[in-house]
Amino acid sequence: MTVGSFNQTYEYLQALQLFSAIPKKDLKTILACLLVLAISVTLSNAQCFFQPLEASMFDGEIAGCRISDGELHEFGSTWRNEDCYNCICSTSGISCCSSYARPVGYSEECVSIFNKEICAYEVVEKADHSKACAVHEWVG
């Protein structure tokens, strides 16, 4: 963002009476932080999901989060599920996000294989899976 475009943006926001109480130098810092946040969010590719709480009663009180296999997790507890997602139980429900990064920057002569035992991708040559390939970019 150039100084001229910042000044135009600042004047526009003042005309709208948005942020009018914020000094110009502070607004510049806020806008820079918002820009960094916007870029960070678009670069992030973590896969997450939320499952609303299904009340699991114990002695008449909600005891925690019950997952599909019947296991009960206490509120505030964390665990890694069989699909390599890190999960947390809260009074709202279960939040889970992938615990691994996906390789995206590697040779076309290579293939990525997910290893569920270690919750990580391995990138190897298509012709010989015993030979690892260099990975230049990861997302997740």
N, C-alpha and C. Protein backbone atom coordinates (compact mmCIF):
# COMPACT_ATOMS: atom_id res chain seq x y z
N MET A 1 0.86 -1.17 0.00
CA MET A 1 0.00 0.00 0.00
C MET A 1 0.90 1.22 0.00
N THR A 2 0.70 2.10 -0.96
CA THR A 2 1.51 3.31 -1.03
C THR A 2 0.97 4.36 -0.06
N VAL A 3 1.81 5.38 0.20
CA VAL A 3 1.41 6.44 1.11
C VAL A 3 0.18 7.15 0.56
N GLY A 4 0.16 7.41 -0.76
CA GLY A 4 -0.98 8.08 -1.38
C GLY A 4 -2.27 7.28 -1.23
N SER A 5 -2.19 5.98 -1.46
CA SER A 5 -3.40 5.17 -1.35
C SER A 5 -3.84 5.05 0.12
N PHE A 6 -2.88 5.03 1.05
CA PHE A 6 -3.26 5.01 2.47
C PHE A 6 -3.99 6.30 2.84
N ASN A 7 -3.44 7.44 2.39
CA ASN A 7 -4.08 8.72 2.70
C ASN A 7 -5.49 8.79 2.12
N GLN A 8 -5.66 8.27 0.90
CA GLN A 8 -6.99 8.26 0.29
C GLN A 8 -7.94 7.37 1.09
N THR A 9 -7.44 6.20 1.52
CA THR A 9 -8.26 5.28 2.32
C THR A 9 -8.63 5.92 3.65
N TYR A 10 -7.65 6.57 4.29
CA TYR A 10 -7.89 7.24 5.57
C TYR A 10 -8.94 8.33 5.43
N GLU A 11 -8.81 9.14 4.37
CA GLU A 11 -9.79 10.21 4.14
C GLU A 11 -11.17 9.63 3.86
N TYR A 12 -11.23 8.54 3.12
CA TYR A 12 -12.51 7.90 2.82
C TYR A 12 -13.17 7.39 4.11
N LEU A 13 -12.38 6.73 4.96
CA LEU A 13 -12.91 6.22 6.22
C LEU A 13 -13.36 7.36 7.14
N GLN A 14 -12.61 8.46 7.13
CA GLN A 14 -13.02 9.62 7.93
C GLN A 14 -14.33 10.20 7.41
N ALA A 15 -14.49 10.24 6.08
CA ALA A 15 -15.72 10.76 5.49
C ALA A 15 -16.91 9.89 5.89
N LEU A 16 -16.69 8.61 6.03
CA LEU A 16 -17.75 7.70 6.46
C LEU A 16 -17.93 7.74 7.98
N GLN A 17 -17.07 8.48 8.65
CA GLN A 17 -17.04 8.59 10.11
C GLN A 17 -16.73 7.24 10.77
N LEU A 18 -16.00 6.41 10.05
CA LEU A 18 -15.51 5.16 10.63
C LEU A 18 -14.11 5.43 11.16
N PHE A 19 -13.81 4.93 12.30
CA PHE A 19 -12.49 5.06 12.90
C PHE A 19 -12.09 6.52 13.11
N SER A 20 -13.04 7.43 13.22
CA SER A 20 -12.72 8.85 13.33
C SER A 20 -11.98 9.19 14.63
N ALA A 21 -12.15 8.37 15.66
CA ALA A 21 -11.48 8.64 16.93
C ALA A 21 -10.07 8.06 16.98
N ILE A 22 -9.69 7.32 15.98
CA ILE A 22 -8.37 6.66 15.97
C ILE A 22 -7.37 7.56 15.24
N PRO A 23 -6.23 7.86 15.88
CA PRO A 23 -5.20 8.67 15.21
C PRO A 23 -4.69 7.98 13.95
N LYS A 24 -4.24 8.76 13.00
CA LYS A 24 -3.80 8.26 11.70
C LYS A 24 -2.71 7.19 11.83
N LYS A 25 -1.72 7.41 12.70
CA LYS A 25 -0.62 6.44 12.83
C LYS A 25 -1.12 5.11 13.41
N ASP A 26 -2.10 5.16 14.32
CA ASP A 26 -2.65 3.92 14.89
C ASP A 26 -3.50 3.19 13.86
N LEU A 27 -4.22 3.94 13.06
CA LEU A 27 -5.05 3.32 12.02
C LEU A 27 -4.17 2.61 11.00
N LYS A 28 -3.03 3.18 10.70
CA LYS A 28 -2.09 2.56 9.76
C LYS A 28 -1.63 1.20 10.31
N THR A 29 -1.35 1.14 11.59
CA THR A 29 -0.94 -0.12 12.23
C THR A 29 -2.08 -1.13 12.20
N ILE A 30 -3.28 -0.68 12.48
CA ILE A 30 -4.45 -1.57 12.47
C ILE A 30 -4.67 -2.13 11.07
N LEU A 31 -4.60 -1.26 10.05
CA LEU A 31 -4.79 -1.72 8.67
C LEU A 31 -3.71 -2.71 8.26
N ALA A 32 -2.48 -2.47 8.68
CA ALA A 32 -1.38 -3.40 8.36
C ALA A 32 -1.64 -4.76 9.01
N CYS A 33 -2.10 -4.76 10.26
CA CYS A 33 -2.41 -6.02 10.96
C CYS A 33 -3.55 -6.76 10.27
N LEU A 34 -4.58 -6.02 9.85
CA LEU A 34 -5.70 -6.65 9.15
C LEU A 34 -5.26 -7.24 7.82
N LEU A 35 -4.35 -6.58 7.13
CA LEU A 35 -3.82 -7.09 5.87
C LEU A 35 -3.06 -8.39 6.10
N VAL A 36 -2.20 -8.41 7.12
CA VAL A 36 -1.45 -9.63 7.46
C VAL A 36 -2.41 -10.76 7.82
N LEU A 37 -3.44 -10.46 8.60
CA LEU A 37 -4.43 -11.47 8.97
C LEU A 37 -5.15 -12.01 7.75
N ALA A 38 -5.56 -11.13 6.85
CA ALA A 38 -6.27 -11.56 5.65
C ALA A 38 -5.40 -12.48 4.79
N ILE A 39 -4.12 -12.15 4.67
CA ILE A 39 -3.21 -12.99 3.89
C ILE A 39 -3.00 -14.32 4.58
N SER A 40 -2.84 -14.31 5.90
CA SER A 40 -2.62 -15.55 6.65
C SER A 40 -3.79 -16.50 6.52
N VAL A 41 -5.00 -15.97 6.60
CA VAL A 41 -6.19 -16.81 6.51
C VAL A 41 -6.28 -17.46 5.15
N THR A 42 -5.96 -16.72 4.09
CA THR A 42 -6.06 -17.29 2.75
C THR A 42 -4.97 -18.33 2.50
N LEU A 43 -3.84 -18.23 3.19
CA LEU A 43 -2.77 -19.20 3.01
C LEU A 43 -2.99 -20.45 3.85
N SER A 44 -3.80 -20.36 4.86
CA SER A 44 -4.06 -21.49 5.74
C SER A 44 -5.00 -22.47 5.06
N ASN A 45 -4.71 -23.75 5.20
CA ASN A 45 -5.55 -24.75 4.57
C ASN A 45 -5.85 -25.88 5.54
N ALA A 46 -5.87 -25.59 6.82
CA ALA A 46 -6.19 -26.61 7.80
C ALA A 46 -7.63 -27.04 7.62
N GLN A 47 -7.87 -28.32 7.74
CA GLN A 47 -9.22 -28.84 7.62
C GLN A 47 -9.77 -29.04 9.01
N CYS A 48 -10.87 -28.37 9.29
CA CYS A 48 -11.49 -28.43 10.62
C CYS A 48 -12.98 -28.72 10.49
N PHE A 49 -13.53 -29.25 11.57
CA PHE A 49 -14.97 -29.42 11.64
C PHE A 49 -15.42 -29.29 13.08
N PHE A 50 -16.71 -29.03 13.24
CA PHE A 50 -17.30 -28.88 14.57
C PHE A 50 -18.53 -29.77 14.66
N GLN A 51 -18.62 -30.51 15.75
CA GLN A 51 -19.78 -31.36 16.00
C GLN A 51 -20.46 -30.85 17.27
N PRO A 52 -21.70 -30.34 17.15
CA PRO A 52 -22.39 -29.80 18.34
C PRO A 52 -22.51 -30.87 19.43
N LEU A 53 -22.56 -30.40 20.66
CA LEU A 53 -22.63 -31.29 21.82
C LEU A 53 -23.92 -32.11 21.82
N GLU A 54 -23.75 -33.41 21.96
CA GLU A 54 -24.88 -34.31 22.22
C GLU A 54 -24.73 -34.68 23.68
N ALA A 55 -25.63 -34.21 24.49
CA ALA A 55 -25.51 -34.36 25.94
C ALA A 55 -25.33 -35.81 26.35
N SER A 56 -24.27 -36.08 27.09
CA SER A 56 -24.01 -37.39 27.66
C SER A 56 -24.15 -37.25 29.16
N MET A 57 -25.19 -37.84 29.70
CA MET A 57 -25.52 -37.66 31.11
C MET A 57 -24.82 -38.70 31.99
N PHE A 58 -24.39 -38.25 33.16
CA PHE A 58 -23.82 -39.12 34.18
C PHE A 58 -24.29 -38.59 35.51
N ASP A 59 -25.05 -39.38 36.24
CA ASP A 59 -25.63 -38.95 37.52
C ASP A 59 -26.43 -37.66 37.37
N GLY A 60 -27.17 -37.52 36.26
CA GLY A 60 -28.03 -36.37 36.06
C GLY A 60 -27.33 -35.11 35.59
N GLU A 61 -26.02 -35.16 35.34
CA GLU A 61 -25.28 -34.00 34.87
C GLU A 61 -24.62 -34.32 33.53
N ILE A 62 -24.42 -33.27 32.72
CA ILE A 62 -23.72 -33.48 31.45
C ILE A 62 -22.26 -33.79 31.77
N ALA A 63 -21.78 -34.92 31.28
CA ALA A 63 -20.46 -35.41 31.66
C ALA A 63 -19.36 -35.06 30.67
N GLY A 64 -19.70 -34.79 29.42
CA GLY A 64 -18.67 -34.52 28.43
C GLY A 64 -19.17 -34.77 27.03
N CYS A 65 -18.24 -35.08 26.14
CA CYS A 65 -18.55 -35.30 24.73
C CYS A 65 -18.42 -36.79 24.41
N ARG A 66 -19.47 -37.34 23.84
CA ARG A 66 -19.44 -38.75 23.43
C ARG A 66 -19.20 -38.79 21.93
N ILE A 67 -18.17 -39.53 21.51
CA ILE A 67 -17.86 -39.63 20.08
C ILE A 67 -18.55 -40.85 19.50
N SER A 68 -18.43 -41.01 18.18
CA SER A 68 -19.22 -42.02 17.46
C SER A 68 -19.00 -43.45 17.95
N ASP A 69 -17.82 -43.76 18.44
CA ASP A 69 -17.57 -45.14 18.91
C ASP A 69 -18.06 -45.36 20.35
N GLY A 70 -18.68 -44.31 20.95
CA GLY A 70 -19.22 -44.43 22.29
C GLY A 70 -18.31 -43.94 23.39
N GLU A 71 -17.06 -43.64 23.06
CA GLU A 71 -16.11 -43.17 24.08
C GLU A 71 -16.50 -41.78 24.57
N LEU A 72 -16.41 -41.56 25.87
CA LEU A 72 -16.76 -40.29 26.49
C LEU A 72 -15.50 -39.51 26.82
N HIS A 73 -15.44 -38.25 26.38
CA HIS A 73 -14.31 -37.36 26.67
C HIS A 73 -14.80 -36.25 27.59
N GLU A 74 -14.02 -35.96 28.63
CA GLU A 74 -14.37 -34.90 29.57
C GLU A 74 -14.21 -33.53 28.92
N PHE A 75 -14.97 -32.54 29.43
CA PHE A 75 -14.84 -31.18 28.94
C PHE A 75 -13.40 -30.70 29.14
N GLY A 76 -12.84 -30.07 28.13
CA GLY A 76 -11.47 -29.57 28.20
C GLY A 76 -10.43 -30.58 27.77
N SER A 77 -10.82 -31.84 27.56
CA SER A 77 -9.84 -32.86 27.16
C SER A 77 -9.54 -32.77 25.66
N THR A 78 -8.35 -33.19 25.30
CA THR A 78 -7.93 -33.21 23.89
C THR A 78 -7.48 -34.62 23.54
N TRP A 79 -7.58 -34.96 22.26
CA TRP A 79 -7.15 -36.27 21.79
C TRP A 79 -6.96 -36.21 20.29
N ARG A 80 -6.28 -37.20 19.75
CA ARG A 80 -6.11 -37.35 18.31
C ARG A 80 -6.95 -38.55 17.89
N ASN A 81 -7.85 -38.33 16.92
CA ASN A 81 -8.72 -39.43 16.50
C ASN A 81 -8.05 -40.32 15.45
N GLU A 82 -8.76 -41.36 15.03
CA GLU A 82 -8.18 -42.35 14.11
C GLU A 82 -7.92 -41.77 12.72
N ASP A 83 -8.47 -40.60 12.40
CA ASP A 83 -8.24 -39.96 11.11
C ASP A 83 -7.19 -38.85 11.20
N CYS A 84 -6.43 -38.83 12.29
CA CYS A 84 -5.33 -37.88 12.50
C CYS A 84 -5.80 -36.43 12.67
N TYR A 85 -6.95 -36.25 13.30
CA TYR A 85 -7.44 -34.93 13.65
C TYR A 85 -7.23 -34.72 15.14
N ASN A 86 -6.75 -33.52 15.50
CA ASN A 86 -6.62 -33.14 16.90
C ASN A 86 -7.96 -32.55 17.32
N CYS A 87 -8.54 -33.10 18.37
CA CYS A 87 -9.87 -32.71 18.81
C CYS A 87 -9.86 -32.19 20.24
N ILE A 88 -10.86 -31.37 20.55
CA ILE A 88 -11.05 -30.87 21.91
C ILE A 88 -12.55 -30.89 22.22
N CYS A 89 -12.87 -31.29 23.44
CA CYS A 89 -14.25 -31.32 23.91
C CYS A 89 -14.52 -30.06 24.70
N SER A 90 -15.58 -29.34 24.32
CA SER A 90 -16.00 -28.15 25.07
C SER A 90 -17.48 -28.28 25.39
N THR A 91 -17.99 -27.36 26.15
CA THR A 91 -19.41 -27.39 26.50
C THR A 91 -20.30 -27.11 25.29
N SER A 92 -19.70 -26.64 24.20
CA SER A 92 -20.45 -26.41 22.96
C SER A 92 -20.45 -27.63 22.06
N GLY A 93 -19.40 -28.45 22.16
CA GLY A 93 -19.28 -29.63 21.31
C GLY A 93 -17.83 -30.00 21.08
N ILE A 94 -17.61 -30.71 19.99
CA ILE A 94 -16.27 -31.20 19.65
C ILE A 94 -15.74 -30.43 18.45
N SER A 95 -14.54 -29.85 18.59
CA SER A 95 -13.85 -29.18 17.49
C SER A 95 -12.64 -30.02 17.13
N CYS A 96 -12.47 -30.30 15.85
CA CYS A 96 -11.33 -31.09 15.38
C CYS A 96 -10.69 -30.42 14.17
N CYS A 97 -9.36 -30.44 14.12
CA CYS A 97 -8.60 -29.93 12.98
C CYS A 97 -7.52 -30.93 12.60
N SER A 98 -7.20 -30.97 11.32
CA SER A 98 -6.18 -31.90 10.85
C SER A 98 -4.85 -31.61 11.55
N SER A 99 -4.11 -32.66 11.82
CA SER A 99 -2.85 -32.53 12.54
C SER A 99 -1.65 -32.60 11.60
N TYR A 100 -1.90 -32.60 10.33
CA TYR A 100 -0.83 -32.80 9.36
C TYR A 100 -0.89 -31.75 8.26
N ALA A 101 0.24 -31.61 7.58
CA ALA A 101 0.32 -30.71 6.42
C ALA A 101 0.34 -31.57 5.15
N ARG A 102 -0.22 -31.00 4.08
CA ARG A 102 -0.23 -31.69 2.79
C ARG A 102 0.89 -31.14 1.92
N PRO A 103 1.65 -32.02 1.28
CA PRO A 103 2.69 -31.55 0.36
C PRO A 103 2.05 -31.08 -0.95
N VAL A 104 2.49 -29.93 -1.45
CA VAL A 104 1.96 -29.44 -2.73
C VAL A 104 3.07 -29.06 -3.71
N GLY A 105 4.27 -28.89 -3.24
CA GLY A 105 5.36 -28.46 -4.12
C GLY A 105 6.39 -29.56 -4.28
N TYR A 106 6.12 -30.49 -5.21
CA TYR A 106 7.08 -31.57 -5.47
C TYR A 106 6.99 -31.96 -6.94
N SER A 107 7.96 -32.73 -7.39
CA SER A 107 8.07 -33.12 -8.79
C SER A 107 6.87 -33.96 -9.25
N GLU A 108 6.52 -33.82 -10.53
CA GLU A 108 5.44 -34.63 -11.11
C GLU A 108 5.82 -36.11 -11.17
N GLU A 109 7.09 -36.41 -11.01
CA GLU A 109 7.55 -37.79 -11.03
C GLU A 109 7.40 -38.46 -9.66
N CYS A 110 6.79 -37.72 -8.74
CA CYS A 110 6.63 -38.22 -7.37
C CYS A 110 5.15 -38.31 -7.01
N VAL A 111 4.88 -39.01 -5.93
CA VAL A 111 3.52 -39.18 -5.44
C VAL A 111 3.53 -39.02 -3.92
N SER A 112 2.43 -38.43 -3.39
CA SER A 112 2.33 -38.30 -1.93
C SER A 112 1.46 -39.44 -1.40
N ILE A 113 1.92 -40.05 -0.32
CA ILE A 113 1.21 -41.17 0.30
C ILE A 113 1.01 -40.83 1.76
N PHE A 114 -0.24 -40.93 2.23
CA PHE A 114 -0.53 -40.62 3.63
C PHE A 114 -0.27 -41.84 4.49
N ASN A 115 0.54 -41.66 5.55
CA ASN A 115 0.86 -42.73 6.49
C ASN A 115 0.05 -42.48 7.76
N LYS A 116 -1.02 -43.26 7.95
CA LYS A 116 -1.92 -43.06 9.10
C LYS A 116 -1.25 -43.39 10.44
N GLU A 117 -0.21 -44.22 10.42
CA GLU A 117 0.46 -44.58 11.67
C GLU A 117 1.19 -43.39 12.28
N ILE A 118 1.74 -42.53 11.44
CA ILE A 118 2.48 -41.36 11.95
C ILE A 118 1.76 -40.05 11.64
N CYS A 119 0.58 -40.14 11.01
CA CYS A 119 -0.22 -38.96 10.66
C CYS A 119 0.58 -37.95 9.84
N ALA A 120 1.21 -38.42 8.80
CA ALA A 120 2.02 -37.54 7.95
C ALA A 120 2.07 -38.10 6.53
N TYR A 121 2.29 -37.17 5.59
CA TYR A 121 2.48 -37.57 4.20
C TYR A 121 3.94 -37.89 3.95
N GLU A 122 4.17 -38.86 3.11
CA GLU A 122 5.50 -39.16 2.61
C GLU A 122 5.45 -38.94 1.11
N VAL A 123 6.46 -38.30 0.56
CA VAL A 123 6.50 -38.06 -0.88
C VAL A 123 7.65 -38.88 -1.44
N VAL A 124 7.28 -39.78 -2.35
CA VAL A 124 8.24 -40.73 -2.91
C VAL A 124 8.13 -40.76 -4.43
N GLU A 125 9.14 -41.33 -5.08
CA GLU A 125 9.10 -41.48 -6.53
C GLU A 125 8.01 -42.46 -6.92
N LYS A 126 7.30 -42.16 -8.01
CA LYS A 126 6.24 -43.05 -8.48
C LYS A 126 6.81 -44.42 -8.86
N ALA A 127 7.98 -44.41 -9.48
CA ALA A 127 8.58 -45.65 -9.97
C ALA A 127 9.23 -46.48 -8.86
N ASP A 128 9.66 -45.82 -7.78
CA ASP A 128 10.35 -46.52 -6.70
C ASP A 128 9.98 -45.87 -5.37
N HIS A 129 9.03 -46.47 -4.67
CA HIS A 129 8.54 -45.90 -3.42
C HIS A 129 9.58 -45.90 -2.29
N SER A 130 10.71 -46.50 -2.50
CA SER A 130 11.75 -46.47 -1.47
C SER A 130 12.60 -45.20 -1.55
N LYS A 131 12.42 -44.41 -2.62
CA LYS A 131 13.19 -43.18 -2.80
C LYS A 131 12.32 -41.97 -2.49
N ALA A 132 12.76 -41.19 -1.52
CA ALA A 132 12.03 -39.98 -1.11
C ALA A 132 12.27 -38.85 -2.11
N CYS A 133 11.29 -37.98 -2.22
CA CYS A 133 11.39 -36.80 -3.08
C CYS A 133 11.46 -35.55 -2.23
N ALA A 134 12.09 -34.53 -2.77
CA ALA A 134 12.15 -33.23 -2.09
C ALA A 134 10.78 -32.54 -2.21
N VAL A 135 10.35 -31.93 -1.11
CA VAL A 135 9.09 -31.17 -1.11
C VAL A 135 9.44 -29.73 -0.79
N HIS A 136 8.93 -28.81 -1.63
CA HIS A 136 9.27 -27.39 -1.48
C HIS A 136 8.16 -26.58 -0.83
N GLU A 137 6.92 -27.11 -0.82
CA GLU A 137 5.80 -26.39 -0.23
C GLU A 137 4.86 -27.36 0.49
N TRP A 138 4.35 -26.92 1.64
CA TRP A 138 3.39 -27.68 2.41
C TRP A 138 2.24 -26.76 2.77
N VAL A 139 1.02 -27.27 2.85
CA VAL A 139 -0.12 -26.49 3.33
C VAL A 139 -0.83 -27.27 4.41
N GLY A 140 -1.45 -26.53 5.31
CA GLY A 140 -2.24 -27.20 6.35
C GLY A 140 -1.81 -26.82 7.73
